[in-house]
Amino acid sequence: MPNQKCQFLYEERIILVQAETHESAIKQAEKEAEEYCSDLDCIMVDFAQSFEVFSDLEEEPVKLHKQEVFSLMRSSDLPANQYVDLYFDTGLEHQQTAK
């Protein structure tokens, strides 16, 4: 039910950053999220992922550096760790852990 009152509201965001490594991309995204949250009354859930855009950045630079390209807000009664486990970190993902 979309009008259901829940205890928490989570926002999933996708932003573009230019980075040499996944670790660097995640650090930049986490910094941006902290800045985003400081402007609002919210906290960042400790979960970030990165994806490499397959293009030659010398020829096609990312012109939207640190720009949000997707946002989804979902209400839930789940605390942050359970919410992340249910929707993003089930254990079945094919992903690497950043160092």
PDB file of N, CA and C in Angstrom:
ATOM      1  N   MET A   1       0.831  -1.182   0.000  1.00  0.00           N
ATOM      2  CA  MET A   1       0.000   0.000   0.000  1.00  0.00           C
ATOM      3  C   MET A   1       0.877   1.249   0.000  1.00  0.00           C
ATOM      4  N   PRO A   2       0.769   2.095  -0.992  1.00  0.00           N
ATOM      5  CA  PRO A   2       1.618   3.274  -1.059  1.00  0.00           C
ATOM      6  C   PRO A   2       1.380   4.280   0.065  1.00  0.00           C
ATOM      7  N   ASN A   3       0.188   4.366   0.604  1.00  0.00           N
ATOM      8  CA  ASN A   3      -0.106   5.338   1.648  1.00  0.00           C
ATOM      9  C   ASN A   3       0.087   4.777   3.052  1.00  0.00           C
ATOM     10  N   GLN A   4       0.640   3.579   3.134  1.00  0.00           N
ATOM     11  CA  GLN A   4       0.870   2.939   4.419  1.00  0.00           C
ATOM     12  C   GLN A   4       1.913   3.730   5.212  1.00  0.00           C
ATOM     13  N   LYS A   5       1.641   3.959   6.478  1.00  0.00           N
ATOM     14  CA  LYS A   5       2.582   4.664   7.346  1.00  0.00           C
ATOM     15  C   LYS A   5       3.587   3.657   7.889  1.00  0.00           C
ATOM     16  N   CYS A   6       4.848   3.905   7.653  1.00  0.00           N
ATOM     17  CA  CYS A   6       5.920   3.030   8.122  1.00  0.00           C
ATOM     18  C   CYS A   6       6.866   3.843   8.989  1.00  0.00           C
ATOM     19  N   GLN A   7       7.666   3.130   9.725  1.00  0.00           N
ATOM     20  CA  GLN A   7       8.575   3.773  10.658  1.00  0.00           C
ATOM     21  C   GLN A   7       9.730   4.488   9.947  1.00  0.00           C
ATOM     22  N   PHE A   8      10.215   3.957   8.825  1.00  0.00           N
ATOM     23  CA  PHE A   8      11.379   4.518   8.142  1.00  0.00           C
ATOM     24  C   PHE A   8      11.057   4.830   6.685  1.00  0.00           C
ATOM     25  N   LEU A   9      11.818   5.745   6.125  1.00  0.00           N
ATOM     26  CA  LEU A   9      11.769   6.045   4.699  1.00  0.00           C
ATOM     27  C   LEU A   9      13.196   5.963   4.175  1.00  0.00           C
ATOM     28  N   TYR A  10      13.431   5.061   3.229  1.00  0.00           N
ATOM     29  CA  TYR A  10      14.758   4.865   2.642  1.00  0.00           C
ATOM     30  C   TYR A  10      14.765   5.437   1.234  1.00  0.00           C
ATOM     31  N   GLU A  11      15.888   6.025   0.852  1.00  0.00           N
ATOM     32  CA  GLU A  11      16.048   6.516  -0.508  1.00  0.00           C
ATOM     33  C   GLU A  11      17.251   5.840  -1.137  1.00  0.00           C
ATOM     34  N   GLU A  12      17.018   5.186  -2.254  1.00  0.00           N
ATOM     35  CA  GLU A  12      18.086   4.588  -3.044  1.00  0.00           C
ATOM     36  C   GLU A  12      18.435   5.598  -4.127  1.00  0.00           C
ATOM     37  N   ARG A  13      19.718   5.946  -4.229  1.00  0.00           N
ATOM     38  CA  ARG A  13      20.150   6.933  -5.212  1.00  0.00           C
ATOM     39  C   ARG A  13      21.285   6.366  -6.043  1.00  0.00           C
ATOM     40  N   ILE A  14      21.313   6.755  -7.303  1.00  0.00           N
ATOM     41  CA  ILE A  14      22.432   6.425  -8.183  1.00  0.00           C
ATOM     42  C   ILE A  14      23.008   7.742  -8.665  1.00  0.00           C
ATOM     43  N   ILE A  15      24.319   7.892  -8.472  1.00  0.00           N
ATOM     44  CA  ILE A  15      25.011   9.082  -8.956  1.00  0.00           C
ATOM     45  C   ILE A  15      26.179   8.646  -9.829  1.00  0.00           C
ATOM     46  N   LEU A  16      26.610   9.533 -10.691  1.00  0.00           N
ATOM     47  CA  LEU A  16      27.776   9.275 -11.528  1.00  0.00           C
ATOM     48  C   LEU A  16      28.990   9.952 -10.918  1.00  0.00           C
ATOM     49  N   VAL A  17      30.098   9.225 -10.823  1.00  0.00           N
ATOM     50  CA  VAL A  17      31.370   9.804 -10.390  1.00  0.00           C
ATOM     51  C   VAL A  17      32.460   9.301 -11.329  1.00  0.00           C
ATOM     52  N   GLN A  18      33.486  10.080 -11.466  1.00  0.00           N
ATOM     53  CA  GLN A  18      34.617   9.667 -12.276  1.00  0.00           C
ATOM     54  C   GLN A  18      35.719   9.232 -11.325  1.00  0.00           C
ATOM     55  N   ALA A  19      36.168   7.974 -11.465  1.00  0.00           N
ATOM     56  CA  ALA A  19      37.162   7.422 -10.554  1.00  0.00           C
ATOM     57  C   ALA A  19      38.006   6.387 -11.279  1.00  0.00           C
ATOM     58  N   GLU A  20      39.202   6.158 -10.750  1.00  0.00           N
ATOM     59  CA  GLU A  20      40.112   5.164 -11.325  1.00  0.00           C
ATOM     60  C   GLU A  20      39.798   3.747 -10.851  1.00  0.00           C
ATOM     61  N   THR A  21      39.222   3.618  -9.642  1.00  0.00           N
ATOM     62  CA  THR A  21      38.945   2.296  -9.065  1.00  0.00           C
ATOM     63  C   THR A  21      37.551   2.283  -8.444  1.00  0.00           C
ATOM     64  N   HIS A  22      37.062   1.071  -8.187  1.00  0.00           N
ATOM     65  CA  HIS A  22      35.767   0.936  -7.503  1.00  0.00           C
ATOM     66  C   HIS A  22      35.853   1.527  -6.095  1.00  0.00           C
ATOM     67  N   GLU A  23      36.980   1.299  -5.420  1.00  0.00           N
ATOM     68  CA  GLU A  23      37.149   1.821  -4.060  1.00  0.00           C
ATOM     69  C   GLU A  23      37.064   3.342  -4.046  1.00  0.00           C
ATOM     70  N   SER A  24      37.717   3.972  -5.023  1.00  0.00           N
ATOM     71  CA  SER A  24      37.672   5.430  -5.123  1.00  0.00           C
ATOM     72  C   SER A  24      36.263   5.915  -5.438  1.00  0.00           C
ATOM     73  N   ALA A  25      35.576   5.215  -6.308  1.00  0.00           N
ATOM     74  CA  ALA A  25      34.202   5.588  -6.661  1.00  0.00           C
ATOM     75  C   ALA A  25      33.298   5.511  -5.436  1.00  0.00           C
ATOM     76  N   ILE A  26      33.449   4.450  -4.663  1.00  0.00           N
ATOM     77  CA  ILE A  26      32.620   4.286  -3.464  1.00  0.00           C
ATOM     78  C   ILE A  26      32.929   5.375  -2.447  1.00  0.00           C
ATOM     79  N   LYS A  27      34.212   5.704  -2.255  1.00  0.00           N
ATOM     80  CA  LYS A  27      34.574   6.778  -1.312  1.00  0.00           C
ATOM     81  C   LYS A  27      33.960   8.099  -1.746  1.00  0.00           C
ATOM     82  N   GLN A  28      34.009   8.391  -3.048  1.00  0.00           N
ATOM     83  CA  GLN A  28      33.405   9.624  -3.550  1.00  0.00           C
ATOM     84  C   GLN A  28      31.888   9.622  -3.345  1.00  0.00           C
ATOM     85  N   ALA A  29      31.270   8.484  -3.609  1.00  0.00           N
ATOM     86  CA  ALA A  29      29.820   8.373  -3.442  1.00  0.00           C
ATOM     87  C   ALA A  29      29.428   8.522  -1.975  1.00  0.00           C
ATOM     88  N   GLU A  30      30.208   7.929  -1.083  1.00  0.00           N
ATOM     89  CA  GLU A  30      29.918   8.049   0.347  1.00  0.00           C
ATOM     90  C   GLU A  30      30.062   9.499   0.807  1.00  0.00           C
ATOM     91  N   LYS A  31      31.082  10.185   0.311  1.00  0.00           N
ATOM     92  CA  LYS A  31      31.265  11.601   0.662  1.00  0.00           C
ATOM     93  C   LYS A  31      30.087  12.436   0.147  1.00  0.00           C
ATOM     94  N   GLU A  32      29.672  12.175  -1.086  1.00  0.00           N
ATOM     95  CA  GLU A  32      28.536  12.893  -1.652  1.00  0.00           C
ATOM     96  C   GLU A  32      27.272  12.620  -0.846  1.00  0.00           C
ATOM     97  N   ALA A  33      27.079  11.363  -0.423  1.00  0.00           N
ATOM     98  CA  ALA A  33      25.901  10.999   0.369  1.00  0.00           C
ATOM     99  C   ALA A  33      25.909  11.712   1.716  1.00  0.00           C
ATOM    100  N   GLU A  34      27.071  11.826   2.331  1.00  0.00           N
ATOM    101  CA  GLU A  34      27.161  12.552   3.601  1.00  0.00           C
ATOM    102  C   GLU A  34      26.778  14.016   3.413  1.00  0.00           C
ATOM    103  N   GLU A  35      27.247  14.627   2.311  1.00  0.00           N
ATOM    104  CA  GLU A  35      26.891  16.013   2.023  1.00  0.00           C
ATOM    105  C   GLU A  35      25.385  16.139   1.757  1.00  0.00           C
ATOM    106  N   TYR A  36      24.840  15.185   0.998  1.00  0.00           N
ATOM    107  CA  TYR A  36      23.410  15.154   0.686  1.00  0.00           C
ATOM    108  C   TYR A  36      22.602  15.065   1.979  1.00  0.00           C
ATOM    109  N   CYS A  37      23.014  14.167   2.866  1.00  0.00           N
ATOM    110  CA  CYS A  37      22.285  13.968   4.120  1.00  0.00           C
ATOM    111  C   CYS A  37      22.423  15.160   5.057  1.00  0.00           C
ATOM    112  N   SER A  38      23.556  15.856   4.997  1.00  0.00           N
ATOM    113  CA  SER A  38      23.736  17.013   5.881  1.00  0.00           C
ATOM    114  C   SER A  38      22.767  18.138   5.527  1.00  0.00           C
ATOM    115  N   ASP A  39      22.322  18.169   4.259  1.00  0.00           N
ATOM    116  CA  ASP A  39      21.349  19.177   3.827  1.00  0.00           C
ATOM    117  C   ASP A  39      19.920  18.797   4.215  1.00  0.00           C
ATOM    118  N   LEU A  40      19.716  17.541   4.555  1.00  0.00           N
ATOM    119  CA  LEU A  40      18.396  17.029   4.914  1.00  0.00           C
ATOM    120  C   LEU A  40      18.460  16.463   6.319  1.00  0.00           C
ATOM    121  N   ASP A  41      17.350  16.069   6.848  1.00  0.00           N
ATOM    122  CA  ASP A  41      17.321  15.429   8.164  1.00  0.00           C
ATOM    123  C   ASP A  41      17.342  13.921   7.945  1.00  0.00           C
ATOM    124  N   CYS A  42      18.517  13.390   7.561  1.00  0.00           N
ATOM    125  CA  CYS A  42      18.610  11.959   7.285  1.00  0.00           C
ATOM    126  C   CYS A  42      20.011  11.448   7.604  1.00  0.00           C
ATOM    127  N   ILE A  43      20.163  10.147   7.572  1.00  0.00           N
ATOM    128  CA  ILE A  43      21.469   9.522   7.778  1.00  0.00           C
ATOM    129  C   ILE A  43      21.744   8.582   6.610  1.00  0.00           C
ATOM    130  N   MET A  44      23.016   8.327   6.361  1.00  0.00           N
ATOM    131  CA  MET A  44      23.387   7.399   5.298  1.00  0.00           C
ATOM    132  C   MET A  44      23.460   5.988   5.865  1.00  0.00           C
ATOM    133  N   VAL A  45      22.809   5.050   5.197  1.00  0.00           N
ATOM    134  CA  VAL A  45      22.927   3.640   5.554  1.00  0.00           C
ATOM    135  C   VAL A  45      24.273   3.165   5.024  1.00  0.00           C
ATOM    136  N   ASP A  46      24.989   2.405   5.800  1.00  0.00           N
ATOM    137  CA  ASP A  46      26.347   1.995   5.441  1.00  0.00           C
ATOM    138  C   ASP A  46      26.321   0.908   4.369  1.00  0.00           C
ATOM    139  N   PHE A  47      25.989   1.305   3.115  1.00  0.00           N
ATOM    140  CA  PHE A  47      25.953   0.370   2.001  1.00  0.00           C
ATOM    141  C   PHE A  47      26.101   1.157   0.710  1.00  0.00           C
ATOM    142  N   ALA A  48      27.128   0.830  -0.064  1.00  0.00           N
ATOM    143  CA  ALA A  48      27.354   1.505  -1.347  1.00  0.00           C
ATOM    144  C   ALA A  48      27.882   0.489  -2.350  1.00  0.00           C
ATOM    145  N   GLN A  49      27.530   0.672  -3.596  1.00  0.00           N
ATOM    146  CA  GLN A  49      27.999  -0.195  -4.674  1.00  0.00           C
ATOM    147  C   GLN A  49      28.521   0.684  -5.801  1.00  0.00           C
ATOM    148  N   SER A  50      29.366   0.088  -6.662  1.00  0.00           N
ATOM    149  CA  SER A  50      29.828   0.826  -7.830  1.00  0.00           C
ATOM    150  C   SER A  50      29.715  -0.052  -9.069  1.00  0.00           C
ATOM    151  N   PHE A  51      29.659   0.623 -10.210  1.00  0.00           N
ATOM    152  CA  PHE A  51      29.602  -0.057 -11.501  1.00  0.00           C
ATOM    153  C   PHE A  51      30.459   0.734 -12.464  1.00  0.00           C
ATOM    154  N   GLU A  52      31.287   0.039 -13.217  1.00  0.00           N
ATOM    155  CA  GLU A  52      32.153   0.709 -14.180  1.00  0.00           C
ATOM    156  C   GLU A  52      31.401   0.944 -15.480  1.00  0.00           C
ATOM    157  N   VAL A  53      31.357   2.206 -15.894  1.00  0.00           N
ATOM    158  CA  VAL A  53      30.767   2.549 -17.188  1.00  0.00           C
ATOM    159  C   VAL A  53      31.812   2.226 -18.241  1.00  0.00           C
ATOM    160  N   PHE A  54      31.453   1.405 -19.186  1.00  0.00           N
ATOM    161  CA  PHE A  54      32.402   0.948 -20.187  1.00  0.00           C
ATOM    162  C   PHE A  54      32.452   1.925 -21.352  1.00  0.00           C
ATOM    163  N   SER A  55      33.316   2.928 -21.225  1.00  0.00           N
ATOM    164  CA  SER A  55      33.536   3.883 -22.303  1.00  0.00           C
ATOM    165  C   SER A  55      34.931   4.453 -22.149  1.00  0.00           C
ATOM    166  N   ASP A  56      35.419   5.059 -23.192  1.00  0.00           N
ATOM    167  CA  ASP A  56      36.721   5.698 -23.154  1.00  0.00           C
ATOM    168  C   ASP A  56      36.522   7.108 -22.616  1.00  0.00           C
ATOM    169  N   LEU A  57      36.898   7.317 -21.362  1.00  0.00           N
ATOM    170  CA  LEU A  57      36.652   8.611 -20.739  1.00  0.00           C
ATOM    171  C   LEU A  57      37.504   9.716 -21.351  1.00  0.00           C
ATOM    172  N   GLU A  58      38.579   9.343 -22.025  1.00  0.00           N
ATOM    173  CA  GLU A  58      39.365  10.357 -22.724  1.00  0.00           C
ATOM    174  C   GLU A  58      38.543  10.953 -23.866  1.00  0.00           C
ATOM    175  N   GLU A  59      37.778  10.124 -24.536  1.00  0.00           N
ATOM    176  CA  GLU A  59      36.967  10.591 -25.659  1.00  0.00           C
ATOM    177  C   GLU A  59      35.581  11.036 -25.219  1.00  0.00           C
ATOM    178  N   GLU A  60      35.039  10.405 -24.176  1.00  0.00           N
ATOM    179  CA  GLU A  60      33.683  10.704 -23.711  1.00  0.00           C
ATOM    180  C   GLU A  60      33.696  10.949 -22.202  1.00  0.00           C
ATOM    181  N   PRO A  61      34.183  12.104 -21.756  1.00  0.00           N
ATOM    182  CA  PRO A  61      34.242  12.335 -20.314  1.00  0.00           C
ATOM    183  C   PRO A  61      32.848  12.352 -19.689  1.00  0.00           C
ATOM    184  N   VAL A  62      32.791  11.929 -18.443  1.00  0.00           N
ATOM    185  CA  VAL A  62      31.517  11.961 -17.717  1.00  0.00           C
ATOM    186  C   VAL A  62      31.242  13.415 -17.356  1.00  0.00           C
ATOM    187  N   LYS A  63      30.280  13.999 -18.015  1.00  0.00           N
ATOM    188  CA  LYS A  63      29.975  15.412 -17.805  1.00  0.00           C
ATOM    189  C   LYS A  63      29.032  15.623 -16.630  1.00  0.00           C
ATOM    190  N   LEU A  64      28.497  14.560 -16.126  1.00  0.00           N
ATOM    191  CA  LEU A  64      27.536  14.661 -15.034  1.00  0.00           C
ATOM    192  C   LEU A  64      28.146  14.215 -13.710  1.00  0.00           C
ATOM    193  N   HIS A  65      29.425  14.464 -13.502  1.00  0.00           N
ATOM    194  CA  HIS A  65      30.117  14.039 -12.287  1.00  0.00           C
ATOM    195  C   HIS A  65      29.353  14.490 -11.047  1.00  0.00           C
ATOM    196  N   LYS A  66      29.058  13.543 -10.172  1.00  0.00           N
ATOM    197  CA  LYS A  66      28.319  13.741  -8.914  1.00  0.00           C
ATOM    198  C   LYS A  66      26.874  14.174  -9.136  1.00  0.00           C
ATOM    199  N   GLN A  67      26.330  13.853 -10.276  1.00  0.00           N
ATOM    200  CA  GLN A  67      24.933  14.162 -10.540  1.00  0.00           C
ATOM    201  C   GLN A  67      24.072  12.932 -10.276  1.00  0.00           C
ATOM    202  N   GLU A  68      22.956  13.143  -9.630  1.00  0.00           N
ATOM    203  CA  GLU A  68      22.012  12.063  -9.375  1.00  0.00           C
ATOM    204  C   GLU A  68      21.298  11.711 -10.681  1.00  0.00           C
ATOM    205  N   VAL A  69      21.274  10.417 -11.000  1.00  0.00           N
ATOM    206  CA  VAL A  69      20.586   9.982 -12.220  1.00  0.00           C
ATOM    207  C   VAL A  69      19.411   9.061 -11.911  1.00  0.00           C
ATOM    208  N   PHE A  70      19.245   8.696 -10.633  1.00  0.00           N
ATOM    209  CA  PHE A  70      18.139   7.835 -10.233  1.00  0.00           C
ATOM    210  C   PHE A  70      17.874   8.025  -8.752  1.00  0.00           C
ATOM    211  N   SER A  71      16.605   7.990  -8.372  1.00  0.00           N
ATOM    212  CA  SER A  71      16.227   8.027  -6.962  1.00  0.00           C
ATOM    213  C   SER A  71      14.933   7.246  -6.786  1.00  0.00           C
ATOM    214  N   LEU A  72      14.903   6.396  -5.770  1.00  0.00           N
ATOM    215  CA  LEU A  72      13.701   5.642  -5.418  1.00  0.00           C
ATOM    216  C   LEU A  72      13.533   5.733  -3.916  1.00  0.00           C
ATOM    217  N   MET A  73      12.370   6.149  -3.464  1.00  0.00           N
ATOM    218  CA  MET A  73      12.111   6.223  -2.028  1.00  0.00           C
ATOM    219  C   MET A  73      11.111   5.137  -1.672  1.00  0.00           C
ATOM    220  N   ARG A  74      11.400   4.420  -0.582  1.00  0.00           N
ATOM    221  CA  ARG A  74      10.544   3.309  -0.156  1.00  0.00           C
ATOM    222  C   ARG A  74      10.348   3.390   1.360  1.00  0.00           C
ATOM    223  N   SER A  75       9.109   3.311   1.796  1.00  0.00           N
ATOM    224  CA  SER A  75       8.798   3.272   3.225  1.00  0.00           C
ATOM    225  C   SER A  75       8.907   1.838   3.710  1.00  0.00           C
ATOM    226  N   SER A  76       9.379   1.678   4.942  1.00  0.00           N
ATOM    227  CA  SER A  76       9.563   0.344   5.510  1.00  0.00           C
ATOM    228  C   SER A  76       9.600   0.429   7.028  1.00  0.00           C
ATOM    229  N   ASP A  77       9.185  -0.641   7.671  1.00  0.00           N
ATOM    230  CA  ASP A  77       9.324  -0.745   9.121  1.00  0.00           C
ATOM    231  C   ASP A  77      10.619  -1.464   9.507  1.00  0.00           C
ATOM    232  N   LEU A  78      11.379  -1.912   8.514  1.00  0.00           N
ATOM    233  CA  LEU A  78      12.630  -2.626   8.791  1.00  0.00           C
ATOM    234  C   LEU A  78      13.736  -1.665   9.198  1.00  0.00           C
ATOM    235  N   PRO A  79      14.551  -2.033  10.201  1.00  0.00           N
ATOM    236  CA  PRO A  79      15.737  -1.230  10.501  1.00  0.00           C
ATOM    237  C   PRO A  79      16.727  -1.347   9.333  1.00  0.00           C
ATOM    238  N   ALA A  80      17.669  -0.417   9.261  1.00  0.00           N
ATOM    239  CA  ALA A  80      18.568  -0.286   8.108  1.00  0.00           C
ATOM    240  C   ALA A  80      19.262  -1.585   7.708  1.00  0.00           C
ATOM    241  N   ASN A  81      19.853  -2.311   8.648  1.00  0.00           N
ATOM    242  CA  ASN A  81      20.592  -3.526   8.281  1.00  0.00           C
ATOM    243  C   ASN A  81      19.677  -4.590   7.678  1.00  0.00           C
ATOM    244  N   GLN A  82      18.468  -4.742   8.181  1.00  0.00           N
ATOM    245  CA  GLN A  82      17.527  -5.716   7.628  1.00  0.00           C
ATOM    246  C   GLN A  82      17.007  -5.268   6.270  1.00  0.00           C
ATOM    247  N   TYR A  83      16.800  -3.967   6.108  1.00  0.00           N
ATOM    248  CA  TYR A  83      16.344  -3.423   4.839  1.00  0.00           C
ATOM    249  C   TYR A  83      17.383  -3.687   3.739  1.00  0.00           C
ATOM    250  N   VAL A  84      18.648  -3.389   4.026  1.00  0.00           N
ATOM    251  CA  VAL A  84      19.726  -3.623   3.057  1.00  0.00           C
ATOM    252  C   VAL A  84      19.832  -5.107   2.732  1.00  0.00           C
ATOM    253  N   ASP A  85      19.776  -5.961   3.745  1.00  0.00           N
ATOM    254  CA  ASP A  85      19.856  -7.405   3.511  1.00  0.00           C
ATOM    255  C   ASP A  85      18.703  -7.907   2.632  1.00  0.00           C
ATOM    256  N   LEU A  86      17.511  -7.390   2.837  1.00  0.00           N
ATOM    257  CA  LEU A  86      16.345  -7.837   2.075  1.00  0.00           C
ATOM    258  C   LEU A  86      16.391  -7.391   0.616  1.00  0.00           C
ATOM    259  N   TYR A  87      16.788  -6.148   0.368  1.00  0.00           N
ATOM    260  CA  TYR A  87      16.688  -5.597  -0.985  1.00  0.00           C
ATOM    261  C   TYR A  87      17.996  -5.529  -1.763  1.00  0.00           C
ATOM    262  N   PHE A  88      19.147  -5.482  -1.081  1.00  0.00           N
ATOM    263  CA  PHE A  88      20.390  -5.211  -1.799  1.00  0.00           C
ATOM    264  C   PHE A  88      21.528  -6.178  -1.504  1.00  0.00           C
ATOM    265  N   ASP A  89      21.512  -6.839  -0.390  1.00  0.00           N
ATOM    266  CA  ASP A  89      22.655  -7.675   0.002  1.00  0.00           C
ATOM    267  C   ASP A  89      22.156  -9.018   0.523  1.00  0.00           C
ATOM    268  N   THR A  90      21.504  -9.770  -0.366  1.00  0.00           N
ATOM    269  CA  THR A  90      20.888 -11.044   0.029  1.00  0.00           C
ATOM    270  C   THR A  90      21.901 -12.170   0.153  1.00  0.00           C
ATOM    271  N   GLY A  91      23.103 -11.953  -0.409  1.00  0.00           N
ATOM    272  CA  GLY A  91      24.116 -12.999  -0.438  1.00  0.00           C
ATOM    273  C   GLY A  91      24.152 -13.710  -1.778  1.00  0.00           C
ATOM    274  N   LEU A  92      23.200 -13.417  -2.641  1.00  0.00           N
ATOM    275  CA  LEU A  92      23.140 -14.065  -3.967  1.00  0.00           C
ATOM    276  C   LEU A  92      23.684 -13.169  -5.071  1.00  0.00           C
ATOM    277  N   GLU A  93      24.116 -11.962  -4.715  1.00  0.00           N
ATOM    278  CA  GLU A  93      24.637 -11.029  -5.718  1.00  0.00           C
ATOM    279  C   GLU A  93      26.026 -11.490  -6.182  1.00  0.00           C
ATOM    280  N   HIS A  94      26.336 -11.185  -7.405  1.00  0.00           N
ATOM    281  CA  HIS A  94      27.657 -11.454  -7.964  1.00  0.00           C
ATOM    282  C   HIS A  94      28.419 -10.136  -7.896  1.00  0.00           C
ATOM    283  N   GLN A  95      29.101  -9.916  -6.780  1.00  0.00           N
ATOM    284  CA  GLN A  95      29.783  -8.651  -6.572  1.00  0.00           C
ATOM    285  C   GLN A  95      31.023  -8.866  -5.722  1.00  0.00           C
ATOM    286  N   GLN A  96      31.913  -7.886  -5.779  1.00  0.00           N
ATOM    287  CA  GLN A  96      33.121  -7.909  -4.984  1.00  0.00           C
ATOM    288  C   GLN A  96      32.968  -6.939  -3.828  1.00  0.00           C
ATOM    289  N   THR A  97      33.683  -7.175  -2.764  1.00  0.00           N
ATOM    290  CA  THR A  97      33.684  -6.269  -1.628  1.00  0.00           C
ATOM    291  C   THR A  97      34.853  -5.319  -1.764  1.00  0.00           C
ATOM    292  N   ALA A  98      34.589  -4.029  -1.623  1.00  0.00           N
ATOM    293  CA  ALA A  98      35.657  -3.024  -1.696  1.00  0.00           C
ATOM    294  C   ALA A  98      36.527  -3.133  -0.463  1.00  0.00           C
ATOM    295  N   LYS A  99      37.795  -2.827  -0.639  1.00  0.00           N
ATOM    296  CA  LYS A  99      38.738  -2.909   0.489  1.00  0.00           C
ATOM    297  C   LYS A  99      38.685  -1.695   1.353  1.00  0.00           C
TER     298      LYS A  99
END
